Amino acid sequence: MKFIKVSFLFIAVTTLTNCASGYKMIEPKSINYVSTNETDKVKLEYKYDLLDKKYAKKELKKGVKIVAVKITNNSDRDLMFGKDATLTYANGAEIYLMENKKAFKTIKQSPTSYLWYLLLTPVTFNTTGTNSNGFQENTSSTPIGLILGPGLAGGNMIAAGTANKKFETEMLEYNINGTVIKKGETKYGLIGIKADSFDSLKLKIE
């Protein structure tokens, strides 16, 4: 009976700590931007620390930062982001700007990683009782793993796939690289940068 309790405790802990994460939409247009600066009448507002749960862990592990940006062009000409207006660090150091598709692929969840739950398939629930001679013996055995293993694997794979789809859709929708920001216009975007810290950003206008 002790073995059964330990087994179920292990299953419960691993299930709670290794489940797939959902994806909370970032929605750059609704963010309260705190960090801001202006260069040649072009205002940059930005925010780090947008992801949570497994996406935040992958962000840290892979050295990638997803940043929401809001750019308001108050200059007298149209600007193309990535050409006429580029991002640099506040100290002038160059930023390695990733393609949004690559940034997504770098920190997305891996649905196939949840196949390990299939290892629970052989698990059985055994009950014991005392026989007529006063000895403990198994009275029944239920193969709960046949449902538990495939159920957890399939459920988590679906959840991870759904969350990844939302993440990818939002990253592509707010892909600002190559976008023309007309004079007097404000554009919102999501960018991926290769970085381990939350250094200050600024715009460089060509």
N, C-alpha and C. Protein backbone atom coordinates (compact mmCIF):
# COMPACT_ATOMS: atom_id res chain seq x y z
N MET A 1 0.83 -1.21 0.00
CA MET A 1 0.00 0.00 0.00
C MET A 1 0.87 1.26 0.00
N LYS A 2 2.00 1.20 0.74
CA LYS A 2 2.92 2.33 0.78
C LYS A 2 3.45 2.64 -0.61
N PHE A 3 3.78 1.57 -1.37
CA PHE A 3 4.29 1.76 -2.73
C PHE A 3 3.25 2.45 -3.60
N ILE A 4 2.00 2.07 -3.43
CA ILE A 4 0.91 2.68 -4.21
C ILE A 4 0.79 4.16 -3.89
N LYS A 5 0.87 4.51 -2.61
CA LYS A 5 0.75 5.90 -2.20
C LYS A 5 1.90 6.73 -2.77
N VAL A 6 3.11 6.19 -2.70
CA VAL A 6 4.28 6.89 -3.23
C VAL A 6 4.16 7.07 -4.73
N SER A 7 3.68 6.06 -5.42
CA SER A 7 3.50 6.13 -6.87
C SER A 7 2.52 7.21 -7.25
N PHE A 8 1.41 7.25 -6.53
CA PHE A 8 0.39 8.25 -6.85
C PHE A 8 0.87 9.65 -6.50
N LEU A 9 1.67 9.78 -5.44
CA LEU A 9 2.23 11.08 -5.10
C LEU A 9 3.17 11.54 -6.20
N PHE A 10 4.00 10.64 -6.72
CA PHE A 10 4.91 10.96 -7.81
C PHE A 10 4.14 11.39 -9.05
N ILE A 11 3.09 10.65 -9.39
CA ILE A 11 2.27 10.97 -10.56
C ILE A 11 1.63 12.33 -10.41
N ALA A 12 1.10 12.60 -9.20
CA ALA A 12 0.42 13.88 -8.96
C ALA A 12 1.38 15.05 -9.09
N VAL A 13 2.59 14.91 -8.51
CA VAL A 13 3.58 15.99 -8.56
C VAL A 13 4.05 16.25 -9.99
N THR A 14 4.39 15.18 -10.72
CA THR A 14 4.86 15.36 -12.09
C THR A 14 3.78 15.91 -13.00
N THR A 15 2.55 15.52 -12.74
CA THR A 15 1.44 16.03 -13.55
C THR A 15 1.25 17.53 -13.35
N LEU A 16 1.33 17.96 -12.08
CA LEU A 16 1.12 19.37 -11.77
C LEU A 16 2.27 20.26 -12.23
N THR A 17 3.49 19.73 -12.25
CA THR A 17 4.65 20.56 -12.58
C THR A 17 5.07 20.48 -14.04
N ASN A 18 4.53 19.55 -14.79
CA ASN A 18 4.98 19.38 -16.17
C ASN A 18 3.87 19.54 -17.20
N CYS A 19 2.75 20.10 -16.79
CA CYS A 19 1.65 20.29 -17.72
C CYS A 19 1.97 21.39 -18.73
N ALA A 20 1.33 21.31 -19.88
CA ALA A 20 1.49 22.35 -20.90
C ALA A 20 0.94 23.67 -20.38
N SER A 21 1.53 24.77 -20.85
CA SER A 21 1.07 26.11 -20.46
C SER A 21 0.13 26.68 -21.50
N GLY A 22 -0.80 27.47 -21.04
CA GLY A 22 -1.63 28.23 -21.96
C GLY A 22 -0.86 29.45 -22.43
N TYR A 23 -1.43 30.20 -23.36
CA TYR A 23 -0.78 31.42 -23.84
C TYR A 23 -1.69 32.62 -23.57
N LYS A 24 -1.19 33.56 -22.80
CA LYS A 24 -1.92 34.78 -22.50
C LYS A 24 -1.59 35.82 -23.57
N MET A 25 -2.60 36.26 -24.31
CA MET A 25 -2.38 37.22 -25.39
C MET A 25 -1.72 38.50 -24.86
N ILE A 26 -0.73 38.99 -25.59
CA ILE A 26 0.01 40.19 -25.18
C ILE A 26 -0.77 41.46 -25.48
N GLU A 27 -1.36 41.53 -26.66
CA GLU A 27 -2.18 42.68 -27.09
C GLU A 27 -1.41 44.00 -26.95
N PRO A 28 -0.41 44.24 -27.79
CA PRO A 28 0.42 45.45 -27.70
C PRO A 28 -0.36 46.77 -27.65
N LYS A 29 -1.53 46.81 -28.28
CA LYS A 29 -2.31 48.05 -28.30
C LYS A 29 -2.92 48.40 -26.94
N SER A 30 -3.01 47.43 -26.05
CA SER A 30 -3.63 47.67 -24.75
C SER A 30 -2.63 47.75 -23.60
N ILE A 31 -1.35 47.68 -23.92
CA ILE A 31 -0.30 47.70 -22.89
C ILE A 31 -0.10 49.11 -22.34
N ASN A 32 0.17 49.18 -21.05
CA ASN A 32 0.54 50.45 -20.42
C ASN A 32 2.07 50.56 -20.48
N TYR A 33 2.58 51.25 -21.48
CA TYR A 33 4.02 51.37 -21.68
C TYR A 33 4.64 52.34 -20.68
N VAL A 34 5.72 51.92 -20.05
CA VAL A 34 6.41 52.76 -19.06
C VAL A 34 7.72 53.30 -19.63
N SER A 35 8.47 52.45 -20.31
CA SER A 35 9.77 52.87 -20.88
C SER A 35 9.53 53.64 -22.18
N THR A 36 10.12 54.83 -22.28
CA THR A 36 9.89 55.65 -23.47
C THR A 36 11.07 56.59 -23.71
N ASN A 37 11.32 56.90 -24.97
CA ASN A 37 12.29 57.94 -25.35
C ASN A 37 11.95 58.41 -26.76
N GLU A 38 12.56 59.52 -27.16
CA GLU A 38 12.24 60.12 -28.46
C GLU A 38 13.51 60.49 -29.20
N THR A 39 13.53 60.21 -30.50
CA THR A 39 14.67 60.55 -31.35
C THR A 39 14.15 61.21 -32.63
N ASP A 40 14.59 62.43 -32.89
CA ASP A 40 14.21 63.17 -34.11
C ASP A 40 12.70 63.15 -34.33
N LYS A 41 11.95 63.43 -33.26
CA LYS A 41 10.49 63.52 -33.29
C LYS A 41 9.80 62.17 -33.54
N VAL A 42 10.52 61.11 -33.33
CA VAL A 42 9.92 59.77 -33.41
C VAL A 42 9.98 59.16 -32.01
N LYS A 43 8.82 58.87 -31.47
CA LYS A 43 8.72 58.40 -30.09
C LYS A 43 8.65 56.88 -30.02
N LEU A 44 9.50 56.31 -29.17
CA LEU A 44 9.51 54.86 -28.94
C LEU A 44 9.02 54.57 -27.53
N GLU A 45 8.06 53.68 -27.42
CA GLU A 45 7.61 53.16 -26.14
C GLU A 45 7.74 51.64 -26.22
N TYR A 46 8.20 51.02 -25.15
CA TYR A 46 8.42 49.57 -25.23
C TYR A 46 8.23 48.91 -23.86
N LYS A 47 8.07 47.58 -23.91
CA LYS A 47 7.89 46.83 -22.67
C LYS A 47 8.45 45.41 -22.83
N TYR A 48 9.29 45.03 -21.87
CA TYR A 48 9.80 43.66 -21.77
C TYR A 48 8.84 42.84 -20.87
N ASP A 49 9.28 41.62 -20.55
CA ASP A 49 8.61 40.78 -19.55
C ASP A 49 7.13 40.57 -19.87
N LEU A 50 6.88 40.03 -21.05
CA LEU A 50 5.50 39.88 -21.54
C LEU A 50 4.96 38.46 -21.39
N LEU A 51 5.84 37.49 -21.37
CA LEU A 51 5.41 36.09 -21.35
C LEU A 51 5.39 35.53 -19.94
N ASP A 52 4.65 34.43 -19.76
CA ASP A 52 4.63 33.78 -18.45
C ASP A 52 4.75 32.27 -18.60
N LYS A 53 4.80 31.59 -17.48
CA LYS A 53 4.86 30.14 -17.42
C LYS A 53 5.98 29.56 -18.28
N LYS A 54 5.68 28.56 -19.07
CA LYS A 54 6.74 27.86 -19.81
C LYS A 54 7.38 28.74 -20.87
N TYR A 55 6.61 29.68 -21.43
CA TYR A 55 7.18 30.57 -22.44
C TYR A 55 8.23 31.49 -21.80
N ALA A 56 7.97 31.95 -20.59
CA ALA A 56 8.94 32.80 -19.90
C ALA A 56 10.20 32.02 -19.57
N LYS A 57 10.04 30.75 -19.20
CA LYS A 57 11.20 29.91 -18.89
C LYS A 57 12.05 29.66 -20.14
N LYS A 58 11.37 29.41 -21.27
CA LYS A 58 12.10 29.20 -22.53
C LYS A 58 12.81 30.47 -22.96
N GLU A 59 12.17 31.62 -22.74
CA GLU A 59 12.76 32.92 -23.05
C GLU A 59 14.08 33.07 -22.30
N LEU A 60 14.06 32.74 -21.02
CA LEU A 60 15.26 32.85 -20.19
C LEU A 60 16.32 31.84 -20.62
N LYS A 61 15.91 30.61 -20.85
CA LYS A 61 16.83 29.54 -21.22
C LYS A 61 17.50 29.80 -22.56
N LYS A 62 16.75 30.32 -23.52
CA LYS A 62 17.27 30.52 -24.88
C LYS A 62 17.92 31.89 -25.08
N GLY A 63 17.86 32.76 -24.08
CA GLY A 63 18.46 34.08 -24.22
C GLY A 63 17.75 34.94 -25.24
N VAL A 64 16.43 34.85 -25.26
CA VAL A 64 15.62 35.63 -26.21
C VAL A 64 14.63 36.48 -25.42
N LYS A 65 14.42 37.71 -25.86
CA LYS A 65 13.44 38.58 -25.22
C LYS A 65 12.40 39.00 -26.26
N ILE A 66 11.13 38.79 -25.91
CA ILE A 66 10.04 39.30 -26.74
C ILE A 66 9.68 40.67 -26.18
N VAL A 67 9.67 41.66 -27.05
CA VAL A 67 9.44 43.05 -26.63
C VAL A 67 8.27 43.65 -27.42
N ALA A 68 7.37 44.28 -26.71
CA ALA A 68 6.28 45.01 -27.37
C ALA A 68 6.75 46.45 -27.59
N VAL A 69 6.50 46.98 -28.78
CA VAL A 69 6.91 48.36 -29.09
C VAL A 69 5.73 49.16 -29.63
N LYS A 70 5.77 50.43 -29.32
CA LYS A 70 4.79 51.41 -29.84
C LYS A 70 5.60 52.57 -30.40
N ILE A 71 5.47 52.80 -31.69
CA ILE A 71 6.27 53.84 -32.35
C ILE A 71 5.35 54.90 -32.94
N THR A 72 5.55 56.13 -32.52
CA THR A 72 4.75 57.26 -33.01
C THR A 72 5.64 58.17 -33.83
N ASN A 73 5.30 58.31 -35.09
CA ASN A 73 6.10 59.10 -36.03
C ASN A 73 5.56 60.53 -36.10
N ASN A 74 6.22 61.43 -35.37
CA ASN A 74 5.85 62.85 -35.40
C ASN A 74 6.78 63.66 -36.29
N SER A 75 7.57 62.96 -37.10
CA SER A 75 8.48 63.66 -38.01
C SER A 75 7.72 64.10 -39.26
N ASP A 76 8.43 64.69 -40.20
CA ASP A 76 7.77 65.21 -41.41
C ASP A 76 7.91 64.26 -42.60
N ARG A 77 8.26 62.97 -42.32
CA ARG A 77 8.40 62.01 -43.42
C ARG A 77 8.01 60.61 -42.98
N ASP A 78 7.70 59.78 -43.96
CA ASP A 78 7.39 58.37 -43.67
C ASP A 78 8.68 57.62 -43.39
N LEU A 79 8.59 56.64 -42.50
CA LEU A 79 9.77 55.86 -42.11
C LEU A 79 9.47 54.37 -42.19
N MET A 80 10.44 53.61 -42.68
CA MET A 80 10.29 52.16 -42.68
C MET A 80 11.07 51.58 -41.51
N PHE A 81 10.38 50.82 -40.66
CA PHE A 81 11.04 50.21 -39.51
C PHE A 81 11.97 49.10 -40.01
N GLY A 82 13.21 49.18 -39.54
CA GLY A 82 14.22 48.22 -39.98
C GLY A 82 15.15 48.80 -41.03
N LYS A 83 14.74 49.96 -41.59
CA LYS A 83 15.58 50.61 -42.60
C LYS A 83 15.85 52.06 -42.20
N ASP A 84 14.79 52.89 -42.20
CA ASP A 84 14.93 54.30 -41.81
C ASP A 84 14.93 54.46 -40.29
N ALA A 85 14.25 53.57 -39.61
CA ALA A 85 14.17 53.59 -38.15
C ALA A 85 14.57 52.22 -37.63
N THR A 86 15.67 52.16 -36.90
CA THR A 86 16.15 50.88 -36.37
C THR A 86 16.33 50.98 -34.86
N LEU A 87 16.29 49.82 -34.21
CA LEU A 87 16.46 49.78 -32.77
C LEU A 87 17.92 49.55 -32.40
N THR A 88 18.36 50.27 -31.38
CA THR A 88 19.68 50.03 -30.79
C THR A 88 19.50 50.09 -29.27
N TYR A 89 20.54 49.69 -28.56
CA TYR A 89 20.52 49.88 -27.12
C TYR A 89 20.80 51.36 -26.83
N ALA A 90 20.44 51.80 -25.63
CA ALA A 90 20.62 53.21 -25.27
C ALA A 90 22.08 53.63 -25.32
N ASN A 91 23.00 52.68 -25.12
CA ASN A 91 24.43 53.00 -25.17
C ASN A 91 24.99 52.99 -26.59
N GLY A 92 24.10 52.75 -27.57
CA GLY A 92 24.51 52.75 -28.97
C GLY A 92 24.89 51.40 -29.52
N ALA A 93 24.95 50.39 -28.64
CA ALA A 93 25.31 49.04 -29.09
C ALA A 93 24.23 48.47 -30.01
N GLU A 94 24.67 47.67 -30.96
CA GLU A 94 23.75 47.10 -31.94
C GLU A 94 22.89 46.00 -31.31
N ILE A 95 21.65 45.89 -31.79
CA ILE A 95 20.73 44.86 -31.33
C ILE A 95 20.60 43.78 -32.39
N TYR A 96 20.63 42.52 -31.95
CA TYR A 96 20.39 41.43 -32.88
C TYR A 96 18.89 41.18 -32.92
N LEU A 97 18.25 41.71 -33.94
CA LEU A 97 16.81 41.59 -34.09
C LEU A 97 16.48 40.31 -34.86
N MET A 98 15.69 39.46 -34.25
CA MET A 98 15.33 38.18 -34.86
C MET A 98 14.08 38.33 -35.73
N GLU A 99 13.96 37.48 -36.73
CA GLU A 99 12.71 37.40 -37.46
C GLU A 99 11.66 36.85 -36.51
N ASN A 100 10.44 37.37 -36.61
CA ASN A 100 9.40 36.95 -35.69
C ASN A 100 9.13 35.45 -35.74
N LYS A 101 9.20 34.89 -36.94
CA LYS A 101 8.98 33.46 -37.09
C LYS A 101 10.06 32.68 -36.34
N LYS A 102 11.30 33.12 -36.44
CA LYS A 102 12.40 32.44 -35.77
C LYS A 102 12.29 32.60 -34.25
N ALA A 103 11.90 33.79 -33.80
CA ALA A 103 11.74 34.03 -32.36
C ALA A 103 10.68 33.10 -31.79
N PHE A 104 9.57 32.95 -32.53
CA PHE A 104 8.51 32.05 -32.10
C PHE A 104 9.01 30.62 -32.01
N LYS A 105 9.69 30.15 -33.04
CA LYS A 105 10.17 28.76 -33.07
C LYS A 105 11.18 28.49 -31.95
N THR A 106 11.92 29.53 -31.56
CA THR A 106 12.95 29.36 -30.53
C THR A 106 12.35 29.10 -29.15
N ILE A 107 11.21 29.74 -28.85
CA ILE A 107 10.68 29.64 -27.48
C ILE A 107 9.29 28.99 -27.40
N LYS A 108 8.83 28.41 -28.49
CA LYS A 108 7.54 27.72 -28.44
C LYS A 108 7.65 26.45 -27.59
N GLN A 109 6.51 25.94 -27.16
CA GLN A 109 6.48 24.66 -26.45
C GLN A 109 6.63 23.52 -27.45
N SER A 110 7.14 22.41 -26.98
CA SER A 110 7.29 21.23 -27.83
C SER A 110 6.21 20.21 -27.47
N PRO A 111 5.15 20.10 -28.27
CA PRO A 111 4.07 19.16 -27.95
C PRO A 111 4.56 17.72 -27.78
N THR A 112 5.56 17.31 -28.58
CA THR A 112 6.03 15.93 -28.50
C THR A 112 6.74 15.63 -27.17
N SER A 113 7.15 16.66 -26.44
CA SER A 113 7.82 16.42 -25.16
C SER A 113 6.88 15.80 -24.13
N TYR A 114 5.58 15.90 -24.38
CA TYR A 114 4.61 15.35 -23.43
C TYR A 114 4.30 13.88 -23.70
N LEU A 115 4.97 13.30 -24.69
CA LEU A 115 4.79 11.87 -24.95
C LEU A 115 5.31 11.02 -23.80
N TRP A 116 6.16 11.62 -22.95
CA TRP A 116 6.69 10.85 -21.83
C TRP A 116 5.59 10.38 -20.90
N TYR A 117 4.43 11.04 -20.93
CA TYR A 117 3.31 10.60 -20.10
C TYR A 117 2.87 9.18 -20.46
N LEU A 118 3.21 8.74 -21.66
CA LEU A 118 2.85 7.38 -22.06
C LEU A 118 3.57 6.34 -21.20
N LEU A 119 4.63 6.77 -20.51
CA LEU A 119 5.33 5.86 -19.61
C LEU A 119 4.45 5.45 -18.43
N LEU A 120 3.37 6.21 -18.22
CA LEU A 120 2.45 5.88 -17.13
C LEU A 120 1.45 4.80 -17.52
N THR A 121 1.46 4.41 -18.80
CA THR A 121 0.48 3.44 -19.29
C THR A 121 0.47 2.13 -18.49
N PRO A 122 1.61 1.57 -18.07
CA PRO A 122 1.58 0.30 -17.33
C PRO A 122 1.09 0.41 -15.88
N VAL A 123 0.87 1.65 -15.40
CA VAL A 123 0.49 1.82 -13.99
C VAL A 123 -0.84 1.14 -13.69
N THR A 124 -0.88 0.41 -12.60
CA THR A 124 -2.12 -0.23 -12.15
C THR A 124 -2.41 0.18 -10.72
N PHE A 125 -3.67 0.17 -10.38
CA PHE A 125 -4.09 0.47 -9.01
C PHE A 125 -4.47 -0.85 -8.35
N ASN A 126 -3.68 -1.24 -7.37
CA ASN A 126 -3.91 -2.51 -6.69
C ASN A 126 -4.50 -2.29 -5.30
N THR A 127 -5.51 -3.04 -4.99
CA THR A 127 -6.07 -2.99 -3.64
C THR A 127 -5.73 -4.29 -2.94
N THR A 128 -5.53 -4.21 -1.63
CA THR A 128 -5.16 -5.39 -0.86
C THR A 128 -6.18 -5.66 0.24
N GLY A 129 -6.18 -6.87 0.66
CA GLY A 129 -7.06 -7.27 1.76
C GLY A 129 -6.42 -8.41 2.53
N THR A 130 -7.06 -8.79 3.60
CA THR A 130 -6.54 -9.88 4.44
C THR A 130 -7.30 -11.16 4.13
N ASN A 131 -6.55 -12.20 3.79
CA ASN A 131 -7.21 -13.46 3.47
C ASN A 131 -7.57 -14.21 4.75
N SER A 132 -8.12 -15.39 4.58
CA SER A 132 -8.58 -16.19 5.72
C SER A 132 -7.45 -16.63 6.64
N ASN A 133 -6.24 -16.60 6.11
CA ASN A 133 -5.09 -16.99 6.92
C ASN A 133 -4.43 -15.80 7.62
N GLY A 134 -5.01 -14.59 7.40
CA GLY A 134 -4.47 -13.40 8.05
C GLY A 134 -3.34 -12.73 7.31
N PHE A 135 -3.10 -13.15 6.06
CA PHE A 135 -2.03 -12.55 5.25
C PHE A 135 -2.61 -11.52 4.27
N GLN A 136 -1.80 -10.48 3.96
CA GLN A 136 -2.19 -9.47 2.98
C GLN A 136 -2.04 -10.02 1.57
N GLU A 137 -3.01 -9.77 0.73
CA GLU A 137 -2.93 -10.19 -0.66
C GLU A 137 -3.70 -9.22 -1.54
N ASN A 138 -3.34 -9.18 -2.82
CA ASN A 138 -4.05 -8.32 -3.76
C ASN A 138 -5.46 -8.85 -3.98
N THR A 139 -6.42 -7.95 -3.87
CA THR A 139 -7.81 -8.36 -4.10
C THR A 139 -8.32 -7.90 -5.46
N SER A 140 -7.69 -6.84 -6.01
CA SER A 140 -8.08 -6.38 -7.35
C SER A 140 -6.95 -5.56 -7.95
N SER A 141 -6.94 -5.47 -9.26
CA SER A 141 -5.92 -4.70 -9.98
C SER A 141 -6.59 -3.97 -11.14
N THR A 142 -6.52 -2.64 -11.11
CA THR A 142 -7.16 -1.82 -12.15
C THR A 142 -6.09 -1.13 -12.99
N PRO A 143 -6.06 -1.35 -14.31
CA PRO A 143 -5.03 -0.74 -15.18
C PRO A 143 -5.35 0.73 -15.50
N ILE A 144 -5.23 1.59 -14.48
CA ILE A 144 -5.58 3.02 -14.68
C ILE A 144 -4.64 3.71 -15.67
N GLY A 145 -3.44 3.16 -15.84
CA GLY A 145 -2.48 3.77 -16.75
C GLY A 145 -2.94 3.77 -18.20
N LEU A 146 -3.82 2.83 -18.55
CA LEU A 146 -4.30 2.75 -19.93
C LEU A 146 -5.09 4.00 -20.30
N ILE A 147 -5.67 4.64 -19.30
CA ILE A 147 -6.40 5.89 -19.52
C ILE A 147 -5.53 7.08 -19.16
N LEU A 148 -4.83 6.95 -18.03
CA LEU A 148 -4.02 8.06 -17.52
C LEU A 148 -2.90 8.46 -18.48
N GLY A 149 -2.12 7.48 -18.94
CA GLY A 149 -0.99 7.78 -19.82
C GLY A 149 -1.38 8.47 -21.11
N PRO A 150 -2.19 7.81 -21.96
CA PRO A 150 -2.60 8.42 -23.23
C PRO A 150 -3.41 9.70 -23.02
N GLY A 151 -4.21 9.73 -21.94
CA GLY A 151 -5.03 10.92 -21.69
C GLY A 151 -4.20 12.15 -21.39
N LEU A 152 -3.20 11.98 -20.50
CA LEU A 152 -2.32 13.10 -20.16
C LEU A 152 -1.45 13.51 -21.34
N ALA A 153 -0.94 12.52 -22.07
CA ALA A 153 -0.10 12.82 -23.24
C ALA A 153 -0.90 13.58 -24.29
N GLY A 154 -2.06 13.04 -24.64
CA GLY A 154 -2.88 13.68 -25.67
C GLY A 154 -3.39 15.05 -25.25
N GLY A 155 -3.84 15.16 -24.01
CA GLY A 155 -4.37 16.43 -23.52
C GLY A 155 -3.34 17.53 -23.51
N ASN A 156 -2.13 17.19 -23.04
CA ASN A 156 -1.06 18.19 -22.98
C ASN A 156 -0.54 18.56 -24.36
N MET A 157 -0.51 17.60 -25.27
CA MET A 157 -0.07 17.89 -26.64
C MET A 157 -1.05 18.84 -27.33
N ILE A 158 -2.32 18.62 -27.11
CA ILE A 158 -3.34 19.50 -27.69
C ILE A 158 -3.25 20.89 -27.08
N ALA A 159 -3.08 20.96 -25.75
CA ALA A 159 -2.99 22.25 -25.06
C ALA A 159 -1.77 23.04 -25.53
N ALA A 160 -0.63 22.35 -25.66
CA ALA A 160 0.59 23.02 -26.11
C ALA A 160 0.45 23.50 -27.54
N GLY A 161 -0.15 22.68 -28.39
CA GLY A 161 -0.35 23.06 -29.79
C GLY A 161 -1.27 24.27 -29.93
N THR A 162 -2.34 24.29 -29.12
CA THR A 162 -3.28 25.42 -29.15
C THR A 162 -2.61 26.71 -28.69
N ALA A 163 -1.84 26.61 -27.60
CA ALA A 163 -1.14 27.78 -27.07
C ALA A 163 -0.11 28.29 -28.08
N ASN A 164 0.63 27.37 -28.70
CA ASN A 164 1.62 27.77 -29.70
C ASN A 164 0.97 28.49 -30.87
N LYS A 165 -0.18 28.02 -31.29
CA LYS A 165 -0.89 28.63 -32.42
C LYS A 165 -1.27 30.07 -32.11
N LYS A 166 -1.75 30.32 -30.89
CA LYS A 166 -2.10 31.68 -30.48
C LYS A 166 -0.86 32.58 -30.46
N PHE A 167 0.23 32.03 -29.92
CA PHE A 167 1.48 32.76 -29.84
C PHE A 167 1.99 33.12 -31.23
N GLU A 168 2.01 32.14 -32.11
CA GLU A 168 2.49 32.36 -33.48
C GLU A 168 1.63 33.38 -34.21
N THR A 169 0.32 33.27 -34.07
CA THR A 169 -0.61 34.19 -34.74
C THR A 169 -0.35 35.62 -34.31
N GLU A 170 -0.15 35.82 -33.00
CA GLU A 170 0.06 37.18 -32.51
C GLU A 170 1.43 37.72 -32.94
N MET A 171 2.45 36.87 -32.94
CA MET A 171 3.77 37.30 -33.39
C MET A 171 3.75 37.72 -34.85
N LEU A 172 3.02 37.00 -35.68
CA LEU A 172 2.95 37.33 -37.11
C LEU A 172 2.06 38.55 -37.35
N GLU A 173 0.99 38.66 -36.58
CA GLU A 173 0.08 39.81 -36.73
C GLU A 173 0.80 41.12 -36.40
N TYR A 174 1.69 41.09 -35.39
CA TYR A 174 2.38 42.31 -34.97
C TYR A 174 3.84 42.33 -35.43
N ASN A 175 4.09 41.71 -36.57
CA ASN A 175 5.43 41.76 -37.15
C ASN A 175 5.63 43.14 -37.78
N ILE A 176 6.42 43.97 -37.12
CA ILE A 176 6.57 45.36 -37.55
C ILE A 176 7.76 45.57 -38.48
N ASN A 177 8.63 44.60 -38.57
CA ASN A 177 9.83 44.75 -39.39
C ASN A 177 9.45 44.92 -40.86
N GLY A 178 9.96 45.99 -41.49
CA GLY A 178 9.64 46.28 -42.89
C GLY A 178 8.35 47.07 -43.06
N THR A 179 7.72 47.44 -41.94
CA THR A 179 6.46 48.20 -41.99
C THR A 179 6.75 49.69 -42.14
N VAL A 180 5.99 50.35 -43.00
CA VAL A 180 6.12 51.80 -43.17
C VAL A 180 5.24 52.50 -42.14
N ILE A 181 5.86 53.40 -41.39
CA ILE A 181 5.14 54.21 -40.40
C ILE A 181 5.01 55.61 -40.98
N LYS A 182 3.83 55.94 -41.42
CA LYS A 182 3.61 57.23 -42.06
C LYS A 182 3.71 58.37 -41.05
N LYS A 183 4.03 59.57 -41.54
CA LYS A 183 4.13 60.72 -40.65
C LYS A 183 2.79 60.96 -39.95
N GLY A 184 2.85 61.14 -38.65
CA GLY A 184 1.64 61.33 -37.85
C GLY A 184 0.98 60.02 -37.42
N GLU A 185 1.57 58.89 -37.80
CA GLU A 185 0.97 57.58 -37.52
C GLU A 185 1.66 56.88 -36.35
N THR A 186 0.90 56.01 -35.68
CA THR A 186 1.44 55.18 -34.59
C THR A 186 1.29 53.71 -34.97
N LYS A 187 2.36 52.97 -34.79
CA LYS A 187 2.35 51.54 -35.10
C LYS A 187 2.76 50.74 -33.86
N TYR A 188 2.15 49.56 -33.73
CA TYR A 188 2.46 48.66 -32.62
C TYR A 188 3.12 47.39 -33.18
N GLY A 189 4.02 46.81 -32.40
CA GLY A 189 4.67 45.60 -32.89
C GLY A 189 5.20 44.72 -31.77
N LEU A 190 5.52 43.50 -32.14
CA LEU A 190 6.21 42.57 -31.25
C LEU A 190 7.51 42.18 -31.94
N ILE A 191 8.59 42.25 -31.22
CA ILE A 191 9.89 41.90 -31.79
C ILE A 191 10.60 40.90 -30.88
N GLY A 192 11.49 40.13 -31.47
CA GLY A 192 12.32 39.21 -30.71
C GLY A 192 13.76 39.65 -30.82
N ILE A 193 14.43 39.80 -29.69
CA ILE A 193 15.84 40.18 -29.72
C ILE A 193 16.66 39.14 -28.96
N LYS A 194 17.86 38.91 -29.42
CA LYS A 194 18.76 37.97 -28.77
C LYS A 194 19.46 38.72 -27.65
N ALA A 195 19.03 38.48 -26.41
CA ALA A 195 19.59 39.22 -25.28
C ALA A 195 19.33 38.46 -23.98
N ASP A 196 20.22 38.67 -23.01
CA ASP A 196 20.07 38.05 -21.70
C ASP A 196 19.62 39.05 -20.64
N SER A 197 19.62 40.34 -20.99
CA SER A 197 19.27 41.37 -20.01
C SER A 197 18.15 42.27 -20.56
N PHE A 198 17.68 43.16 -19.69
CA PHE A 198 16.60 44.06 -20.06
C PHE A 198 17.15 45.48 -20.25
N ASP A 199 18.12 45.62 -21.14
CA ASP A 199 18.76 46.92 -21.36
C ASP A 199 17.81 47.90 -22.04
N SER A 200 18.06 49.17 -21.77
CA SER A 200 17.24 50.23 -22.36
C SER A 200 17.41 50.30 -23.89
N LEU A 201 16.32 50.61 -24.56
CA LEU A 201 16.33 50.68 -26.02
C LEU A 201 16.08 52.11 -26.50
N LYS A 202 16.51 52.36 -27.73
CA LYS A 202 16.20 53.64 -28.36
C LYS A 202 16.14 53.45 -29.87
N LEU A 203 15.59 54.42 -30.55
CA LEU A 203 15.51 54.38 -32.02
C LEU A 203 16.68 55.14 -32.63
N LYS A 204 17.14 54.62 -33.75
CA LYS A 204 18.13 55.31 -34.55
C LYS A 204 17.48 55.67 -35.88
N ILE A 205 17.41 56.96 -36.16
CA ILE A 205 16.74 57.43 -37.38
C ILE A 205 17.78 57.77 -38.44
N GLU A 206 17.65 57.14 -39.60
CA GLU A 206 18.60 57.39 -40.69
C GLU A 206 18.12 58.56 -41.55
